[in-house]
Amino acid sequence: QEDLTVRLVTTNAGRELSALEKAAVYKRLINYRWSEADIAKRLGVTVQHVENLLLLAGASPSIRQMVANDEVSASLAIETLRAHGIKAAERLTEGLHGARSAGKAKVTKQHLTDPSSRFAKRQAPQLFSLVKSVKADPLGCKQILAYIPDNPDLYEFLSGIKYLNFVADIFGVSKAD
């Protein structure tokens, strides 16, 4: 019985088995008390590959159905399972809705990423450059970013000359000027 199961994968002369079909074979071999290492060695694949497909085999029916319907790739389903555990089905379903609203039939990583994190990644180099410039020239940044209200209500505690000196300091006006 075990050898027949192994031959399903190794001697399949027709089309290659899908990831879900391989996962079912690996799960059956596990039920025959084979270790993941034994399966990997016998089938000429890595232990990591066997672990991944066993994870897929144990996924919720909704995830397996999305993979079977080619709405999500097996690799993305496995990656999402590893990253989100029991919330993977929810994430993939949300991704599928996003893909469909974008006119696509298949979920990709883009559909699983929070748009705000994509924005943050795009803006990160500019933000880093800004932080470096603040450290290098704090006075120059204060001159650019300083806020001086039309009504100096915030500075009621300053005398007129102290307020003018304060503003002059912000804009780098020398004492001589």
Protein backbone atom coordinates (compact mmCIF):
# COMPACT_ATOMS: atom_id res chain seq x y z
CA GLN A 1 0.00 0.00 0.00
CA GLU A 2 2.83 2.43 0.89
CA ASP A 3 4.80 1.65 -2.26
CA LEU A 4 1.70 2.21 -4.35
CA THR A 5 1.27 5.59 -2.70
CA VAL A 6 4.90 6.53 -3.40
CA ARG A 7 4.50 5.46 -7.04
CA LEU A 8 1.67 7.99 -7.38
CA VAL A 9 4.34 10.67 -7.24
CA THR A 10 7.43 8.99 -8.68
CA THR A 11 6.05 7.17 -11.72
CA ASN A 12 3.33 9.53 -12.78
CA ALA A 13 3.90 9.60 -16.55
CA GLY A 14 0.96 11.89 -17.24
CA ARG A 15 0.55 15.40 -15.92
CA GLU A 16 2.47 16.43 -12.84
CA LEU A 17 0.55 16.24 -9.60
CA SER A 18 -0.65 19.55 -8.19
CA ALA A 19 0.63 20.79 -4.87
CA LEU A 20 -2.62 19.72 -3.21
CA GLU A 21 -2.38 16.23 -4.71
CA LYS A 22 1.22 15.89 -3.54
CA ALA A 23 0.17 17.17 -0.13
CA ALA A 24 -2.48 14.43 0.06
CA VAL A 25 0.13 11.80 -0.84
CA TYR A 26 2.56 13.13 1.79
CA LYS A 27 -0.21 13.14 4.38
CA ARG A 28 -1.10 9.56 3.53
CA LEU A 29 2.56 8.55 3.97
CA ILE A 30 2.64 10.31 7.34
CA ASN A 31 -0.40 8.25 8.29
CA TYR A 32 1.66 5.15 7.38
CA ARG A 33 4.14 6.36 10.06
CA TRP A 34 6.73 7.68 7.63
CA SER A 35 8.79 10.60 8.86
CA GLU A 36 9.10 13.80 6.86
CA ALA A 37 12.76 12.97 6.27
CA ASP A 38 11.84 9.50 4.94
CA ILE A 39 9.30 11.00 2.54
CA ALA A 40 11.79 13.60 1.34
CA LYS A 41 14.53 11.03 0.79
CA ARG A 42 12.28 8.53 -1.01
CA LEU A 43 10.70 11.16 -3.28
CA GLY A 44 13.85 13.18 -3.93
CA VAL A 45 12.59 16.44 -2.43
CA THR A 46 13.66 18.53 0.53
CA VAL A 47 12.30 18.10 4.03
CA GLN A 48 11.21 21.75 3.87
CA HIS A 49 9.13 20.95 0.76
CA VAL A 50 7.44 18.08 2.59
CA GLU A 51 6.78 20.26 5.66
CA ASN A 52 5.30 23.01 3.47
CA LEU A 53 2.93 20.67 1.66
CA LEU A 54 1.90 18.99 4.91
CA LEU A 55 1.08 22.44 6.25
CA LEU A 56 -1.05 23.01 3.15
CA ALA A 57 -2.72 19.62 3.60
CA GLY A 58 -3.68 20.61 7.14
CA ALA A 59 -4.97 24.04 6.13
CA SER A 60 -8.62 24.98 6.43
CA PRO A 61 -10.93 23.77 3.67
CA SER A 62 -11.41 27.33 2.43
CA ILE A 63 -7.66 27.75 1.83
CA ARG A 64 -7.38 24.37 0.11
CA GLN A 65 -10.38 25.29 -2.06
CA MET A 66 -8.78 28.61 -3.07
CA VAL A 67 -5.62 26.72 -4.08
CA ALA A 68 -7.65 24.08 -5.95
CA ASN A 69 -9.58 26.81 -7.80
CA ASP A 70 -6.27 28.52 -8.70
CA GLU A 71 -7.37 31.65 -6.85
CA VAL A 72 -4.16 31.60 -4.82
CA SER A 73 -0.87 29.83 -5.44
CA ALA A 74 0.17 27.02 -3.12
CA SER A 75 3.36 28.87 -2.23
CA LEU A 76 1.47 32.04 -1.24
CA ALA A 77 -1.03 29.99 0.76
CA ILE A 78 1.83 28.28 2.62
CA GLU A 79 3.62 31.58 3.23
CA THR A 80 0.40 33.12 4.57
CA LEU A 81 -0.23 30.09 6.78
CA ARG A 82 3.25 30.44 8.28
CA ALA A 83 2.88 34.19 8.81
CA HIS A 84 -0.71 34.38 10.06
CA GLY A 85 -1.60 30.92 11.40
CA ILE A 86 -5.32 30.59 12.07
CA LYS A 87 -5.98 34.01 10.53
CA ALA A 88 -4.53 32.93 7.18
CA ALA A 89 -7.93 32.03 5.71
CA GLU A 90 -9.28 35.45 6.64
CA ARG A 91 -6.25 37.21 5.11
CA LEU A 92 -6.45 35.20 1.90
CA THR A 93 -10.20 35.78 1.61
CA GLU A 94 -9.67 39.53 2.05
CA GLY A 95 -6.89 39.34 -0.55
CA LEU A 96 -9.20 37.53 -2.95
CA HIS A 97 -11.83 40.25 -2.56
CA GLY A 98 -9.13 42.85 -3.22
CA ALA A 99 -7.91 40.98 -6.28
CA ARG A 100 -11.42 40.68 -7.67
CA SER A 101 -12.14 44.36 -7.08
CA ALA A 102 -8.95 45.10 -9.04
CA GLY A 103 -10.21 42.90 -11.88
CA LYS A 104 -7.86 39.99 -11.11
CA ALA A 105 -8.78 36.37 -10.57
CA LYS A 106 -5.80 35.38 -8.42
CA VAL A 107 -4.48 36.66 -5.10
CA THR A 108 -0.90 37.92 -5.11
CA LYS A 109 1.29 39.30 -2.31
CA GLN A 110 0.27 42.78 -3.41
CA HIS A 111 -3.32 42.02 -2.44
CA LEU A 112 -2.25 40.85 1.03
CA THR A 113 -0.12 43.87 1.86
CA ASP A 114 -1.67 46.71 3.81
CA PRO A 115 -1.61 49.80 1.53
CA SER A 116 -0.23 51.96 4.33
CA SER A 117 2.81 49.69 4.67
CA ARG A 118 3.45 49.95 0.91
CA PHE A 119 3.27 53.75 1.27
CA ALA A 120 5.66 53.65 4.23
CA LYS A 121 8.15 51.53 2.27
CA ARG A 122 8.04 53.95 -0.66
CA GLN A 123 8.54 56.96 1.62
CA ALA A 124 11.22 55.39 3.84
CA PRO A 125 14.24 56.64 1.81
CA GLN A 126 12.94 60.22 1.88
CA LEU A 127 12.21 59.98 5.58
CA PHE A 128 15.70 58.64 6.26
CA SER A 129 17.21 61.50 4.23
CA LEU A 130 15.13 64.01 6.19
CA VAL A 131 16.23 62.58 9.54
CA LYS A 132 19.87 62.77 8.43
CA SER A 133 19.44 66.41 7.42
CA VAL A 134 17.81 67.27 10.75
CA LYS A 135 20.78 65.77 12.57
CA ALA A 136 23.29 67.49 10.29
CA ASP A 137 21.68 70.96 10.30
CA PRO A 138 19.11 71.34 13.10
CA LEU A 139 19.00 75.14 12.81
CA GLY A 140 18.40 75.01 9.06
CA CYS A 141 15.53 72.55 9.58
CA LYS A 142 14.04 74.75 12.26
CA GLN A 143 14.19 77.68 9.86
CA ILE A 144 12.28 75.68 7.26
CA LEU A 145 9.79 74.04 9.61
CA ALA A 146 9.36 76.77 12.24
CA TYR A 147 5.88 78.05 12.87
CA ILE A 148 5.41 81.63 13.92
CA PRO A 149 1.78 82.56 14.41
CA ASP A 150 0.33 85.84 13.15
CA ASN A 151 -0.87 86.53 16.67
CA PRO A 152 1.95 86.04 19.16
CA ASP A 153 -0.43 84.84 21.86
CA LEU A 154 1.87 81.93 22.58
CA TYR A 155 4.63 84.30 23.57
CA GLU A 156 2.77 86.58 25.98
CA PHE A 157 5.49 85.91 28.52
CA LEU A 158 8.12 87.50 26.24
CA SER A 159 8.80 91.19 26.10
CA GLY A 160 8.76 92.80 22.65
CA ILE A 161 12.55 92.75 22.26
CA LYS A 162 12.79 89.14 23.51
CA TYR A 163 10.14 88.09 20.99
CA LEU A 164 12.02 89.84 18.14
CA ASN A 165 15.29 88.21 19.26
CA PHE A 166 13.51 84.84 19.36
CA VAL A 167 12.23 85.24 15.79
CA ALA A 168 15.62 86.53 14.62
CA ASP A 169 17.32 83.49 16.17
CA ILE A 170 14.95 81.14 14.38
CA PHE A 171 15.74 82.71 11.03
CA GLY A 172 19.45 83.02 11.72
CA VAL A 173 19.59 86.81 11.71
CA SER A 174 22.87 87.92 13.24
CA LYS A 175 22.92 90.27 16.25
CA ALA A 176 24.63 92.92 14.11
CA ASP A 177 21.69 92.99 11.67
